[in-house]
Amino acid sequence: HIQTSKDAYHSLAEKACTLLEMAFNMFNLNGENAFLKHWKDIEKSTNWY
């Protein structure tokens, strides 16, 4: 049994943040801008705030 100092959500969020930072570091400026454009165009549910 391994104890963590964080709850599961924060642990996974930290891993996701690290993954995104690494991905952005691999992008050149054009690739990063294209990714952000597509990210902003993703449709969100009307129930999301």
N, C-alpha and C. Protein backbone atom coordinates (compact mmCIF):
# COMPACT_ATOMS: atom_id res chain seq x y z
N HIS A 1 0.85 -1.18 0.00
CA HIS A 1 0.00 0.00 0.00
C HIS A 1 0.89 1.24 0.00
N ILE A 2 0.70 2.08 -0.99
CA ILE A 2 1.50 3.29 -1.10
C ILE A 2 0.61 4.49 -0.81
N GLN A 3 1.04 5.32 0.10
CA GLN A 3 0.28 6.52 0.41
C GLN A 3 0.77 7.67 -0.45
N THR A 4 -0.16 8.50 -0.88
CA THR A 4 0.21 9.70 -1.63
C THR A 4 -0.20 10.91 -0.83
N SER A 5 0.51 11.98 -1.05
CA SER A 5 0.19 13.21 -0.32
C SER A 5 -0.96 13.97 -0.98
N LYS A 6 -1.43 13.49 -2.12
CA LYS A 6 -2.49 14.17 -2.86
C LYS A 6 -3.64 13.20 -3.10
N ASP A 7 -4.80 13.75 -3.39
CA ASP A 7 -5.90 12.88 -3.75
C ASP A 7 -5.75 12.47 -5.21
N ALA A 8 -6.58 11.54 -5.65
CA ALA A 8 -6.46 10.98 -7.00
C ALA A 8 -6.63 12.05 -8.08
N TYR A 9 -7.58 12.96 -7.90
CA TYR A 9 -7.81 13.99 -8.92
C TYR A 9 -6.55 14.82 -9.14
N HIS A 10 -5.96 15.32 -8.06
CA HIS A 10 -4.79 16.18 -8.20
C HIS A 10 -3.58 15.42 -8.74
N SER A 11 -3.49 14.17 -8.39
CA SER A 11 -2.40 13.36 -8.91
C SER A 11 -2.52 13.21 -10.43
N LEU A 12 -3.73 12.89 -10.90
CA LEU A 12 -3.95 12.75 -12.35
C LEU A 12 -3.84 14.09 -13.06
N ALA A 13 -4.32 15.15 -12.44
CA ALA A 13 -4.22 16.48 -13.05
C ALA A 13 -2.76 16.88 -13.22
N GLU A 14 -1.94 16.56 -12.25
CA GLU A 14 -0.51 16.87 -12.35
C GLU A 14 0.13 16.10 -13.50
N LYS A 15 -0.25 14.82 -13.67
CA LYS A 15 0.28 14.02 -14.77
C LYS A 15 -0.17 14.59 -16.11
N ALA A 16 -1.44 15.00 -16.21
CA ALA A 16 -1.95 15.58 -17.45
C ALA A 16 -1.24 16.89 -17.78
N CYS A 17 -0.99 17.69 -16.78
CA CYS A 17 -0.28 18.96 -16.97
C CYS A 17 1.13 18.70 -17.49
N THR A 18 1.80 17.73 -16.91
CA THR A 18 3.15 17.38 -17.36
C THR A 18 3.13 16.91 -18.81
N LEU A 19 2.15 16.08 -19.15
CA LEU A 19 2.02 15.59 -20.53
C LEU A 19 1.81 16.74 -21.51
N LEU A 20 0.92 17.67 -21.17
CA LEU A 20 0.67 18.81 -22.05
C LEU A 20 1.90 19.70 -22.18
N GLU A 21 2.60 19.93 -21.08
CA GLU A 21 3.82 20.75 -21.14
C GLU A 21 4.86 20.10 -22.05
N MET A 22 5.01 18.79 -21.96
CA MET A 22 5.97 18.10 -22.81
C MET A 22 5.55 18.17 -24.27
N ALA A 23 4.25 18.02 -24.53
CA ALA A 23 3.75 18.11 -25.91
C ALA A 23 3.98 19.50 -26.48
N PHE A 24 3.69 20.53 -25.69
CA PHE A 24 3.89 21.90 -26.17
C PHE A 24 5.37 22.19 -26.40
N ASN A 25 6.24 21.62 -25.61
CA ASN A 25 7.67 21.82 -25.81
C ASN A 25 8.16 21.20 -27.12
N MET A 26 7.45 20.18 -27.62
CA MET A 26 7.82 19.56 -28.89
C MET A 26 7.29 20.34 -30.08
N PHE A 27 6.22 21.11 -29.88
CA PHE A 27 5.65 21.88 -30.98
C PHE A 27 6.55 23.04 -31.36
N ASN A 28 6.54 23.38 -32.65
CA ASN A 28 7.10 24.67 -33.03
C ASN A 28 5.97 25.68 -32.90
N LEU A 29 6.22 26.95 -33.17
CA LEU A 29 5.21 27.98 -32.95
C LEU A 29 3.97 27.74 -33.81
N ASN A 30 4.13 27.32 -35.07
CA ASN A 30 2.98 27.06 -35.94
C ASN A 30 2.14 25.90 -35.42
N GLY A 31 2.80 24.84 -34.97
CA GLY A 31 2.07 23.69 -34.44
C GLY A 31 1.31 24.03 -33.17
N GLU A 32 1.93 24.82 -32.32
CA GLU A 32 1.26 25.22 -31.07
C GLU A 32 0.04 26.08 -31.36
N ASN A 33 0.17 27.03 -32.29
CA ASN A 33 -0.97 27.88 -32.65
C ASN A 33 -2.10 27.06 -33.27
N ALA A 34 -1.77 26.09 -34.12
CA ALA A 34 -2.79 25.24 -34.73
C ALA A 34 -3.51 24.41 -33.66
N PHE A 35 -2.76 23.86 -32.71
CA PHE A 35 -3.37 23.08 -31.63
C PHE A 35 -4.33 23.94 -30.83
N LEU A 36 -3.89 25.14 -30.45
CA LEU A 36 -4.74 26.02 -29.64
C LEU A 36 -5.99 26.43 -30.40
N LYS A 37 -5.88 26.65 -31.72
CA LYS A 37 -7.05 27.00 -32.53
C LYS A 37 -8.07 25.86 -32.49
N HIS A 38 -7.61 24.63 -32.70
CA HIS A 38 -8.52 23.48 -32.68
C HIS A 38 -9.08 23.24 -31.28
N TRP A 39 -8.27 23.44 -30.26
CA TRP A 39 -8.71 23.25 -28.87
C TRP A 39 -9.86 24.19 -28.55
N LYS A 40 -9.75 25.44 -29.00
CA LYS A 40 -10.79 26.43 -28.71
C LYS A 40 -12.07 26.16 -29.49
N ASP A 41 -11.97 25.42 -30.61
CA ASP A 41 -13.14 25.13 -31.44
C ASP A 41 -13.92 23.91 -30.97
N ILE A 42 -13.43 23.20 -29.97
CA ILE A 42 -14.13 22.02 -29.47
C ILE A 42 -15.46 22.45 -28.86
N GLU A 43 -16.52 21.77 -29.27
CA GLU A 43 -17.84 22.12 -28.73
C GLU A 43 -17.96 21.64 -27.29
N LYS A 44 -18.56 22.48 -26.49
CA LYS A 44 -18.79 22.14 -25.09
C LYS A 44 -20.29 21.95 -24.86
N SER A 45 -20.61 21.07 -23.98
CA SER A 45 -22.00 20.82 -23.63
C SER A 45 -22.63 22.11 -23.08
N THR A 46 -23.91 22.30 -23.33
CA THR A 46 -24.59 23.50 -22.83
C THR A 46 -24.68 23.50 -21.31
N ASN A 47 -24.48 22.35 -20.67
CA ASN A 47 -24.52 22.27 -19.21
C ASN A 47 -23.20 22.69 -18.56
N TRP A 48 -22.15 22.83 -19.35
CA TRP A 48 -20.85 23.23 -18.81
C TRP A 48 -20.82 24.73 -18.64
N TYR A 49 -20.15 25.19 -17.62
CA TYR A 49 -20.04 26.62 -17.38
C TYR A 49 -18.66 27.11 -17.70
